[in-house]
C-alpha atoms as a PDB file:
ATOM      1  CA  UNK A   1      17.496   7.358  -1.253  1.00  0.00           C
ATOM      2  CA  UNK A   2      17.508   8.383   2.404  1.00  0.00           C
ATOM      3  CA  UNK A   3      14.739  10.926   1.797  1.00  0.00           C
ATOM      4  CA  UNK A   4      12.698   8.222   0.031  1.00  0.00           C
ATOM      5  CA  UNK A   5      13.202   5.849   2.938  1.00  0.00           C
ATOM      6  CA  UNK A   6      12.162   8.496   5.452  1.00  0.00           C
ATOM      7  CA  UNK A   7       9.143   9.388   3.317  1.00  0.00           C
ATOM      8  CA  UNK A   8       8.105   5.743   3.182  1.00  0.00           C
ATOM      9  CA  UNK A   9       8.470   5.383   6.936  1.00  0.00           C
ATOM     10  CA  UNK A  10       6.383   8.518   7.452  1.00  0.00           C
ATOM     11  CA  UNK A  11       3.675   7.225   5.129  1.00  0.00           C
ATOM     12  CA  UNK A  12       3.449   4.023   7.190  1.00  0.00           C
ATOM     13  CA  UNK A  13       2.435   6.167  10.163  1.00  0.00           C
ATOM     14  CA  UNK A  14      -0.663   7.455   8.356  1.00  0.00           C
ATOM     15  CA  UNK A  15      -4.026   6.273   9.771  1.00  0.00           C
ATOM     16  CA  UNK A  16      -5.152   4.739   6.477  1.00  0.00           C
ATOM     17  CA  UNK A  17      -2.172   2.361   6.547  1.00  0.00           C
ATOM     18  CA  UNK A  18      -2.847   0.921  10.022  1.00  0.00           C
ATOM     19  CA  UNK A  19      -5.535  -1.576   8.891  1.00  0.00           C
ATOM     20  CA  UNK A  20      -3.240  -2.926   6.181  1.00  0.00           C
ATOM     21  CA  UNK A  21      -0.353  -3.283   8.636  1.00  0.00           C
ATOM     22  CA  UNK A  22      -2.660  -5.003  11.146  1.00  0.00           C
ATOM     23  CA  UNK A  23      -3.764  -7.501   8.503  1.00  0.00           C
ATOM     24  CA  UNK A  24      -0.124  -8.245   7.660  1.00  0.00           C
ATOM     25  CA  UNK A  25       0.853  -8.651  11.332  1.00  0.00           C
ATOM     26  CA  UNK A  26      -2.005 -11.124  11.806  1.00  0.00           C
ATOM     27  CA  UNK A  27      -0.698 -13.024   8.789  1.00  0.00           C
ATOM     28  CA  UNK A  28       2.778 -13.193  10.326  1.00  0.00           C
ATOM     29  CA  UNK A  29       1.331 -14.325  13.656  1.00  0.00           C
ATOM     30  CA  UNK A  30      -0.505 -17.149  11.887  1.00  0.00           C
ATOM     31  CA  UNK A  31       2.877 -18.736  11.101  1.00  0.00           C
ATOM     32  CA  UNK A  32       3.706 -18.985  14.815  1.00  0.00           C
ATOM     33  CA  UNK A  33       7.271 -20.097  15.429  1.00  0.00           C
ATOM     34  CA  UNK A  34       7.974 -21.216  11.848  1.00  0.00           C
ATOM     35  CA  UNK A  35      10.778 -18.760  11.053  1.00  0.00           C
ATOM     36  CA  UNK A  36      11.128 -19.927   7.448  1.00  0.00           C
ATOM     37  CA  UNK A  37       7.444 -19.304   6.721  1.00  0.00           C
ATOM     38  CA  UNK A  38       7.678 -15.882   8.405  1.00  0.00           C
ATOM     39  CA  UNK A  39      10.672 -14.913   6.268  1.00  0.00           C
ATOM     40  CA  UNK A  40       9.058 -16.172   3.059  1.00  0.00           C
ATOM     41  CA  UNK A  41       5.848 -14.296   3.837  1.00  0.00           C
ATOM     42  CA  UNK A  42       7.795 -11.113   4.612  1.00  0.00           C
ATOM     43  CA  UNK A  43       9.828 -11.405   1.432  1.00  0.00           C
ATOM     44  CA  UNK A  44       6.702 -12.017  -0.655  1.00  0.00           C
ATOM     45  CA  UNK A  45       4.972  -9.021   0.952  1.00  0.00           C
ATOM     46  CA  UNK A  46       7.984  -6.793   0.315  1.00  0.00           C
ATOM     47  CA  UNK A  47       8.340  -7.970  -3.276  1.00  0.00           C
ATOM     48  CA  UNK A  48       4.634  -7.400  -3.872  1.00  0.00           C
ATOM     49  CA  UNK A  49       4.770  -3.846  -2.536  1.00  0.00           C
ATOM     50  CA  UNK A  50       7.890  -2.958  -4.520  1.00  0.00           C
ATOM     51  CA  UNK A  51       6.594  -4.512  -7.751  1.00  0.00           C
ATOM     52  CA  UNK A  52       3.204  -2.815  -7.345  1.00  0.00           C
ATOM     53  CA  UNK A  53       4.818   0.590  -7.008  1.00  0.00           C
ATOM     54  CA  UNK A  54       7.150  -0.077  -9.935  1.00  0.00           C
ATOM     55  CA  UNK A  55       4.133  -1.040 -12.056  1.00  0.00           C
ATOM     56  CA  UNK A  56       2.214   2.090 -10.988  1.00  0.00           C
ATOM     57  CA  UNK A  57       5.248   4.270 -11.674  1.00  0.00           C
ATOM     58  CA  UNK A  58       5.745   2.655 -15.077  1.00  0.00           C
ATOM     59  CA  UNK A  59       2.079   3.129 -15.956  1.00  0.00           C
ATOM     60  CA  UNK A  60       2.213   6.776 -14.913  1.00  0.00           C
ATOM     61  CA  UNK A  61       5.368   7.360 -16.977  1.00  0.00           C
ATOM     62  CA  UNK A  62       3.827   5.630 -19.989  1.00  0.00           C
ATOM     63  CA  UNK A  63       0.658   7.713 -19.750  1.00  0.00           C
ATOM     64  CA  UNK A  64       2.635  10.919 -19.380  1.00  0.00           C
ATOM     65  CA  UNK A  65       4.793   9.977 -22.372  1.00  0.00           C
ATOM     66  CA  UNK A  66       1.571   9.456 -24.340  1.00  0.00           C
ATOM     67  CA  UNK A  67       0.588  13.049 -23.593  1.00  0.00           C
ATOM     68  CA  UNK A  68      -1.664  12.661 -20.564  1.00  0.00           C
ATOM     69  CA  UNK A  69      -1.400  15.367 -17.885  1.00  0.00           C
ATOM     70  CA  UNK A  70      -1.230  13.078 -14.843  1.00  0.00           C
ATOM     71  CA  UNK A  71       0.532  13.181 -11.509  1.00  0.00           C
ATOM     72  CA  UNK A  72       0.333  11.505  -8.121  1.00  0.00           C
ATOM     73  CA  UNK A  73      -2.919  12.040  -6.260  1.00  0.00           C
ATOM     74  CA  UNK A  74      -5.025  13.132  -9.246  1.00  0.00           C
ATOM     75  CA  UNK A  75      -7.593  10.417  -8.491  1.00  0.00           C
ATOM     76  CA  UNK A  76      -8.229  11.909  -5.036  1.00  0.00           C
ATOM     77  CA  UNK A  77      -9.774  14.964  -6.683  1.00  0.00           C
ATOM     78  CA  UNK A  78     -12.801  12.868  -7.587  1.00  0.00           C
ATOM     79  CA  UNK A  79     -15.506  12.774  -4.858  1.00  0.00           C
ATOM     80  CA  UNK A  80     -16.557   9.282  -6.018  1.00  0.00           C
ATOM     81  CA  UNK A  81     -13.047   7.900  -5.482  1.00  0.00           C
ATOM     82  CA  UNK A  82     -12.772   9.546  -2.051  1.00  0.00           C
ATOM     83  CA  UNK A  83     -16.180   8.142  -1.047  1.00  0.00           C
ATOM     84  CA  UNK A  84     -15.237   4.650  -2.271  1.00  0.00           C
ATOM     85  CA  UNK A  85     -11.985   4.765  -0.303  1.00  0.00           C
ATOM     86  CA  UNK A  86     -13.849   5.922   2.816  1.00  0.00           C
ATOM     87  CA  UNK A  87     -16.249   2.969   2.505  1.00  0.00           C
ATOM     88  CA  UNK A  88     -13.387   0.543   1.857  1.00  0.00           C
ATOM     89  CA  UNK A  89     -11.372   1.611   4.892  1.00  0.00           C
ATOM     90  CA  UNK A  90     -14.494   1.622   7.091  1.00  0.00           C
ATOM     91  CA  UNK A  91     -15.204  -1.967   6.071  1.00  0.00           C
ATOM     92  CA  UNK A  92     -11.589  -2.987   6.708  1.00  0.00           C
ATOM     93  CA  UNK A  93     -11.719  -1.339  10.141  1.00  0.00           C
ATOM     94  CA  UNK A  94     -14.998  -3.069  10.987  1.00  0.00           C
ATOM     95  CA  UNK A  95     -13.510  -6.386   9.848  1.00  0.00           C
ATOM     96  CA  UNK A  96     -10.558  -5.899  12.202  1.00  0.00           C
ATOM     97  CA  UNK A  97     -12.884  -4.988  15.081  1.00  0.00           C
END
């Protein structure tokens, strides 16, 4: 569990995560001094992240059980996916500028 926590913290220091974190911080700032709204927003964000990863993990396990040879990062071997991600993160960065 500790290694997972450290891995997650390390992943949040990656450059592709900064735009997402900036968007979330701006969302928290929108609530101003309303502590209840800040806590609810933080809890919803956390629950969304955890549930998304559980769903992805479950989908991956189901596909592997069905005989597919899949693992983490396989989609990044496709130039089209890498190009689409580059465009997406450029647009997010321009939006934040």
